[in-house]
Amino acid sequence: MGAWFSVDVELDVDLGPAAVSDDLRATVDYGAVAARVVEVCTRERVNLLERLAGGLAQTLLGEFPCRQVRVRVRKLTPPMEGLHATPGVEVTRER
């Protein structure tokens, strides 16, 4: 039984070179980041939001040229009766 999640990712990247050059190669391709997020989040079933967020943060930090990554994962359809909020976690990892 799957669940719907919302994932927000923030990468701390030096944007100076891209701002000057207007060249995608001088920055992080956020399309590639988004594709990697989808891949990681759908690859295997996990029980805890903490595990999903932590694994995603480590993957992104290891694969993209950023100093720090912040990942927020929220469960949009929590199976908890009477809950009218969106439970979630946030993790930050850095080099």
Protein backbone atom coordinates (compact mmCIF):
# COMPACT_ATOMS: atom_id res chain seq x y z
CA MET A 1 0.00 0.00 0.00
CA GLY A 2 1.64 3.19 -1.15
CA ALA A 3 1.26 6.74 0.03
CA TRP A 4 1.47 10.17 -1.57
CA PHE A 5 4.39 12.37 -0.56
CA SER A 6 5.46 15.93 -1.10
CA VAL A 7 9.21 16.49 -1.34
CA ASP A 8 10.94 19.87 -1.17
CA VAL A 9 14.66 20.09 -1.84
CA GLU A 10 16.98 23.06 -1.31
CA LEU A 11 20.57 22.92 -2.53
CA ASP A 12 23.17 25.42 -1.36
CA VAL A 13 25.06 26.12 -4.59
CA ASP A 14 27.39 28.91 -5.70
CA LEU A 15 25.27 30.60 -8.39
CA GLY A 16 27.87 33.21 -9.31
CA PRO A 17 29.37 31.42 -12.32
CA ALA A 18 25.94 30.69 -13.83
CA ALA A 19 24.75 34.24 -13.23
CA VAL A 20 27.71 35.54 -15.22
CA SER A 21 27.81 32.92 -17.99
CA ASP A 22 24.12 32.01 -18.46
CA ASP A 23 25.41 28.47 -19.05
CA LEU A 24 23.62 25.45 -17.59
CA ARG A 25 26.97 23.66 -17.22
CA ALA A 26 27.95 26.31 -14.64
CA THR A 27 25.18 25.35 -12.21
CA VAL A 28 23.03 22.44 -11.08
CA ASP A 29 20.42 21.21 -13.53
CA TYR A 30 17.27 21.18 -11.41
CA GLY A 31 15.60 18.90 -13.94
CA ALA A 32 18.27 16.31 -13.17
CA VAL A 33 17.75 16.87 -9.44
CA ALA A 34 13.98 16.40 -9.81
CA ALA A 35 14.47 13.20 -11.82
CA ARG A 36 16.82 11.84 -9.16
CA VAL A 37 14.32 12.70 -6.41
CA VAL A 38 11.58 10.76 -8.20
CA GLU A 39 13.92 7.81 -8.79
CA VAL A 40 15.04 7.61 -5.17
CA CYS A 41 11.52 8.07 -3.78
CA THR A 42 10.04 5.33 -5.95
CA ARG A 43 12.92 2.83 -5.89
CA GLU A 44 12.04 0.98 -2.71
CA ARG A 45 9.42 1.01 -0.02
CA VAL A 46 10.36 2.66 3.27
CA ASN A 47 8.44 2.82 6.52
CA LEU A 48 9.72 6.10 7.93
CA LEU A 49 9.74 9.60 6.52
CA GLU A 50 13.05 10.03 8.33
CA ARG A 51 14.68 7.27 6.31
CA LEU A 52 13.36 8.61 3.02
CA ALA A 53 14.47 12.17 3.76
CA GLY A 54 17.88 11.13 5.08
CA GLY A 55 18.61 8.81 2.17
CA LEU A 56 17.51 11.38 -0.35
CA ALA A 57 19.65 14.08 1.26
CA GLN A 58 22.74 11.85 1.23
CA THR A 59 22.16 10.87 -2.39
CA LEU A 60 21.77 14.45 -3.59
CA LEU A 61 24.75 15.68 -1.58
CA GLY A 62 26.88 12.92 -3.07
CA GLU A 63 25.79 13.41 -6.68
CA PHE A 64 25.43 17.16 -7.14
CA PRO A 65 27.94 19.98 -6.56
CA CYS A 66 26.35 21.60 -3.53
CA ARG A 67 27.65 22.57 -0.10
CA GLN A 68 24.48 21.69 1.73
CA VAL A 69 21.13 20.05 1.03
CA ARG A 70 17.85 20.42 2.90
CA VAL A 71 15.07 17.90 2.27
CA ARG A 72 11.50 18.15 3.54
CA VAL A 73 9.20 15.16 3.10
CA ARG A 74 5.51 15.34 3.98
CA LYS A 75 2.99 12.51 3.88
CA LEU A 76 -0.06 13.85 2.07
CA THR A 77 -2.36 10.93 2.87
CA PRO A 78 -1.47 9.79 6.39
CA PRO A 79 -3.39 6.70 7.53
CA MET A 80 -4.26 8.24 10.89
CA GLU A 81 -7.85 8.81 11.82
CA GLY A 82 -8.64 12.27 13.08
CA LEU A 83 -5.40 13.83 11.83
CA HIS A 84 -6.09 17.03 9.93
CA ALA A 85 -2.49 18.07 9.38
CA THR A 86 0.31 16.96 7.11
CA PRO A 87 3.03 15.12 9.05
CA GLY A 88 6.55 15.59 7.80
CA VAL A 89 10.24 15.74 8.55
CA GLU A 90 13.11 17.97 7.49
CA VAL A 91 16.78 17.02 7.37
CA THR A 92 19.87 19.00 6.48
CA ARG A 93 23.18 17.49 5.41
CA GLU A 94 26.38 19.27 4.48
CA ARG A 95 29.87 18.52 3.30
